[in-house]
Amino acid sequence: MKKLGIIGGLGPMATAYFMQLITEMTDAKTDQEHIEIFVHSIPGIPDRTKYILGESKESPLPFLLEAGRGLIDQGAEVLSIPCITAHYFENDLKSLPVPCIDSLVETGQYLSTSSIGKVGIMATDGTIKSRLFDDALSRFGIECILPGAEGQKKVMHLIYENVKAGKPADMPLFFEVKEELLDKGAEIVILGCTELSVIKRDNDVGEKVLDVLDVLAKASVKACKR
C-alpha cells in the first residue's frame, strides 16, 4: 500500500470526518490492513476564500506547499486536501514530487459515469468566483447551476457562521438553497465545501445530493490500496 498524506485543518472538523470516511471505505479486516496516514492539520493557514476574493493579501499557497513537503519527508506517496477551495492552487501543487488528488476531476469522472448533465453547486464564494467546478466539470460536458445572490449568502452562512463557528447547521437555509438549485434544473446538488460535508454527516440532507468529500475519500483509498 502507498502512504497517504493529508493537508488538513481547512477546517479541522472536516479533516476529522475525512479520516473517518477513509477508514470506513477501506476494505480491511485487521488494523494492519488499513492505510498508513500522515496528517498535518494547520488551521492557521490563511483563509482561501478571502485571498481569492482579494480581501486578503496573505496567500495560503506557501503554507500548503510547506505542509505537502513535510508530509512527503515523512513518507507520504499520495496527498489529499480535504478543502475544495484550496484546489484553486491545484496547478501550483503539481510542483510537489508526489501526486495530489484532484477531487474536482474525480467528481467529474464519477458524474460522467452516472449520466448526470446538470449539477447544482453549493460552495464558498472563492470556489464560485474562481469557477473551479465550472472549469473541471465542463471537460465532462456537465453544466453547473449556481444559487442566486441570496442563496449564496445562505451557503456562506452555513459554512462560516454555523460549521466553522462550531454551531448547529440552520437546516431550513440548507434546504432552501437545495430546492432553489433543483428548481433551476439541477439533477443533483453537489456539496462543494467540506464544511457542508460535516452538515451531511450530522443531518439528513435528503436525496439528490453528492458530497465531494465522499468522492475524495474513495479516490484516496483507491490511490493507496494495492
Protein backbone atom coordinates (compact mmCIF):
# COMPACT_ATOMS: atom_id res chain seq x y z
CA MET A 1 0.00 0.00 0.00
CA LYS A 2 1.02 3.58 -0.60
CA LYS A 3 1.13 6.01 2.32
CA LEU A 4 -1.31 8.90 2.34
CA GLY A 5 -0.54 12.45 3.41
CA ILE A 6 -3.41 14.77 4.37
CA ILE A 7 -3.02 18.55 4.38
CA GLY A 8 -5.73 19.29 6.90
CA GLY A 9 -7.19 21.85 9.24
CA LEU A 10 -9.13 23.63 6.50
CA GLY A 11 -11.26 23.21 8.59
CA PRO A 12 -10.39 20.87 11.45
CA MET A 13 -13.81 19.17 11.75
CA ALA A 14 -13.86 18.36 8.04
CA THR A 15 -10.39 16.83 8.33
CA ALA A 16 -11.51 14.56 11.15
CA TYR A 17 -14.55 13.48 9.13
CA PHE A 18 -12.35 12.84 6.08
CA MET A 19 -10.19 10.44 8.09
CA GLN A 20 -13.34 8.69 9.30
CA LEU A 21 -14.54 8.26 5.71
CA ILE A 22 -11.20 6.82 4.60
CA THR A 23 -11.26 4.32 7.46
CA GLU A 24 -14.86 3.30 6.71
CA MET A 25 -14.22 2.95 2.97
CA THR A 26 -11.07 0.84 3.32
CA ASP A 27 -11.59 -2.88 2.78
CA ALA A 28 -9.72 -4.08 5.86
CA LYS A 29 -10.30 -6.95 8.24
CA THR A 30 -7.46 -6.07 10.63
CA ASP A 31 -5.71 -2.93 11.83
CA GLN A 32 -2.71 -3.87 9.73
CA GLU A 33 -4.74 -3.77 6.50
CA HIS A 34 -5.62 -0.10 6.88
CA ILE A 35 -3.79 2.70 5.06
CA GLU A 36 -0.88 4.42 6.78
CA ILE A 37 -1.77 8.10 7.02
CA PHE A 38 0.23 11.20 7.89
CA VAL A 39 -1.87 14.23 8.82
CA HIS A 40 -0.73 17.82 9.17
CA SER A 41 -3.67 19.82 10.48
CA ILE A 42 -2.90 23.52 10.04
CA PRO A 43 -5.96 25.60 10.92
CA GLY A 44 -3.76 28.70 10.85
CA ILE A 45 -3.43 28.60 7.04
CA PRO A 46 -4.80 31.92 5.71
CA ASP A 47 -8.41 31.85 4.58
CA ARG A 48 -8.60 30.64 0.99
CA THR A 49 -11.78 32.47 0.06
CA LYS A 50 -10.58 35.84 1.37
CA TYR A 51 -7.38 35.52 -0.67
CA ILE A 52 -9.21 34.54 -3.86
CA LEU A 53 -11.68 37.41 -3.44
CA GLY A 54 -8.85 39.91 -2.89
CA GLU A 55 -9.88 40.56 0.72
CA SER A 56 -6.50 39.32 1.99
CA LYS A 57 -3.01 39.57 0.51
CA GLU A 58 -1.70 36.59 2.50
CA SER A 59 -1.54 33.62 0.15
CA PRO A 60 -2.28 30.15 1.51
CA LEU A 61 -0.02 28.59 -1.15
CA PRO A 62 3.33 28.73 0.72
CA PHE A 63 1.68 27.04 3.71
CA LEU A 64 0.15 24.33 1.52
CA LEU A 65 3.45 23.62 -0.21
CA GLU A 66 5.37 23.55 3.07
CA ALA A 67 2.85 21.14 4.56
CA GLY A 68 2.99 18.95 1.47
CA ARG A 69 6.78 18.79 1.53
CA GLY A 70 6.72 17.94 5.24
CA LEU A 71 4.31 15.06 4.67
CA ILE A 72 6.42 13.77 1.80
CA ASP A 73 9.51 13.90 4.03
CA GLN A 74 7.62 11.67 6.48
CA GLY A 75 6.95 9.15 3.72
CA ALA A 76 3.67 10.20 2.07
CA GLU A 77 3.39 8.92 -1.51
CA VAL A 78 -0.05 10.42 -2.26
CA LEU A 79 -1.51 13.71 -1.00
CA SER A 80 -5.12 14.72 -0.33
CA ILE A 81 -6.51 18.09 0.74
CA PRO A 82 -9.99 17.96 2.29
CA CYS A 83 -10.71 21.56 1.28
CA ILE A 84 -12.34 22.26 -2.08
CA THR A 85 -11.41 25.96 -2.23
CA ALA A 86 -7.74 25.00 -1.83
CA HIS A 87 -7.98 23.35 -5.25
CA TYR A 88 -7.64 26.88 -6.62
CA PHE A 89 -3.90 26.17 -6.17
CA GLU A 90 -4.01 22.75 -7.86
CA ASN A 91 -1.60 23.68 -10.68
CA ASP A 92 0.95 25.01 -8.16
CA LEU A 93 0.65 21.87 -6.04
CA LYS A 94 1.68 19.82 -9.07
CA SER A 95 5.22 21.05 -8.40
CA LEU A 96 5.34 18.63 -5.46
CA PRO A 97 7.09 15.33 -6.28
CA VAL A 98 4.07 13.13 -5.44
CA PRO A 99 0.50 13.32 -6.84
CA CYS A 100 -2.12 15.44 -5.11
CA ILE A 101 -5.58 14.04 -5.80
CA ASP A 102 -7.86 16.46 -7.65
CA SER A 103 -11.30 15.99 -6.11
CA LEU A 104 -12.95 18.12 -8.80
CA VAL A 105 -11.71 15.91 -11.63
CA GLU A 106 -12.64 12.83 -9.63
CA THR A 107 -16.14 14.28 -9.21
CA GLY A 108 -16.40 14.91 -12.96
CA GLN A 109 -15.39 11.34 -13.72
CA TYR A 110 -17.96 9.99 -11.27
CA LEU A 111 -20.76 12.15 -12.65
CA SER A 112 -19.95 11.27 -16.25
CA THR A 113 -20.34 7.57 -15.49
CA SER A 114 -23.73 8.35 -13.91
CA SER A 115 -25.02 10.22 -16.99
CA ILE A 116 -25.54 13.43 -15.00
CA GLY A 117 -25.62 16.52 -17.22
CA LYS A 118 -26.59 19.36 -14.88
CA VAL A 119 -25.49 19.85 -11.28
CA GLY A 120 -26.19 22.47 -8.64
CA ILE A 121 -23.19 23.80 -6.72
CA MET A 122 -23.11 24.69 -3.04
CA ALA A 123 -19.64 26.06 -2.27
CA THR A 124 -17.73 29.06 -0.91
CA ASP A 125 -17.64 32.41 -2.67
CA GLY A 126 -13.99 31.70 -3.52
CA THR A 127 -14.81 28.43 -5.21
CA ILE A 128 -17.71 30.00 -7.09
CA LYS A 129 -15.78 33.10 -8.22
CA SER A 130 -12.79 31.08 -9.42
CA ARG A 131 -15.11 28.77 -11.41
CA LEU A 132 -13.38 25.67 -10.06
CA PHE A 133 -16.37 23.41 -10.65
CA ASP A 134 -17.33 25.05 -13.95
CA ASP A 135 -13.84 24.55 -15.40
CA ALA A 136 -13.42 21.00 -14.09
CA LEU A 137 -16.87 19.65 -14.94
CA SER A 138 -17.15 21.31 -18.35
CA ARG A 139 -14.46 18.85 -19.53
CA PHE A 140 -17.03 16.12 -18.95
CA GLY A 141 -19.87 18.02 -20.63
CA ILE A 142 -21.52 18.83 -17.30
CA GLU A 143 -23.27 22.17 -16.73
CA CYS A 144 -23.04 23.88 -13.34
CA ILE A 145 -26.02 25.72 -11.87
CA LEU A 146 -25.37 28.26 -9.11
CA PRO A 147 -27.54 29.79 -6.40
CA GLY A 148 -28.67 33.40 -6.77
CA ALA A 149 -27.09 36.13 -4.66
CA GLU A 150 -29.35 35.50 -1.66
CA GLY A 151 -28.92 31.75 -1.94
CA GLN A 152 -25.14 32.11 -1.98
CA LYS A 153 -25.29 34.23 1.18
CA LYS A 154 -27.18 31.38 2.83
CA VAL A 155 -24.47 28.91 1.79
CA MET A 156 -21.73 31.13 3.23
CA HIS A 157 -23.74 31.49 6.46
CA LEU A 158 -23.95 27.71 6.77
CA ILE A 159 -20.20 27.35 6.19
CA TYR A 160 -18.79 30.22 8.25
CA GLU A 161 -21.43 31.12 10.82
CA ASN A 162 -22.50 27.55 11.53
CA VAL A 163 -19.93 24.80 10.94
CA LYS A 164 -16.69 26.77 11.20
CA ALA A 165 -18.09 28.53 14.28
CA GLY A 166 -18.91 25.18 15.90
CA LYS A 167 -22.67 25.77 15.81
CA PRO A 168 -25.51 23.52 14.55
CA ALA A 169 -26.45 23.98 10.91
CA ASP A 170 -29.51 26.05 10.07
CA MET A 171 -31.13 23.27 8.05
CA PRO A 172 -34.05 25.35 6.71
CA LEU A 173 -31.44 27.51 4.96
CA PHE A 174 -29.76 24.40 3.56
CA PHE A 175 -32.99 23.06 2.10
CA GLU A 176 -33.94 26.46 0.68
CA VAL A 177 -30.73 26.52 -1.38
CA LYS A 178 -31.04 22.88 -2.33
CA GLU A 179 -34.59 23.36 -3.61
CA GLU A 180 -33.58 26.51 -5.48
CA LEU A 181 -30.90 24.58 -7.38
CA LEU A 182 -33.20 21.65 -8.14
CA ASP A 183 -35.90 24.05 -9.33
CA LYS A 184 -33.36 25.61 -11.71
CA GLY A 185 -32.83 22.23 -13.35
CA ALA A 186 -30.06 20.58 -11.38
CA GLU A 187 -30.28 16.79 -11.41
CA ILE A 188 -28.15 16.57 -8.30
CA VAL A 189 -26.73 19.06 -5.80
CA ILE A 190 -23.01 18.95 -5.11
CA LEU A 191 -21.74 19.70 -1.62
CA GLY A 192 -18.64 21.52 -2.82
CA CYS A 193 -17.24 22.56 0.54
CA THR A 194 -16.04 20.22 3.26
CA GLU A 195 -17.98 22.16 5.92
CA LEU A 196 -21.12 21.20 4.01
CA SER A 197 -19.90 17.61 4.24
CA VAL A 198 -19.99 17.95 8.03
CA ILE A 199 -23.60 19.12 7.76
CA LYS A 200 -24.38 15.98 5.76
CA ARG A 201 -22.65 13.87 8.40
CA ASP A 202 -24.80 15.29 11.19
CA ASN A 203 -28.12 15.78 9.40
CA ASP A 204 -30.43 14.12 6.89
CA VAL A 205 -29.89 16.18 3.73
CA GLY A 206 -32.25 14.08 1.62
CA GLU A 207 -31.80 12.64 -1.85
CA LYS A 208 -30.13 14.08 -4.95
CA VAL A 209 -27.01 15.18 -3.07
CA LEU A 210 -23.38 14.30 -3.88
CA ASP A 211 -20.68 15.01 -1.30
CA VAL A 212 -17.30 15.78 -2.88
CA LEU A 213 -15.58 14.67 0.33
CA ASP A 214 -17.02 11.18 -0.23
CA VAL A 215 -15.57 11.23 -3.75
CA LEU A 216 -12.16 12.39 -2.49
CA ALA A 217 -12.07 9.76 0.25
CA LYS A 218 -12.90 6.98 -2.21
CA ALA A 219 -10.24 8.23 -4.65
CA SER A 220 -7.69 8.40 -1.82
CA VAL A 221 -8.36 4.80 -0.80
CA LYS A 222 -8.10 3.61 -4.42
CA ALA A 223 -4.85 5.52 -4.92
CA CYS A 224 -3.26 3.97 -1.84
CA LYS A 225 -4.56 0.40 -1.77
CA ARG A 226 -2.84 -2.23 -3.87
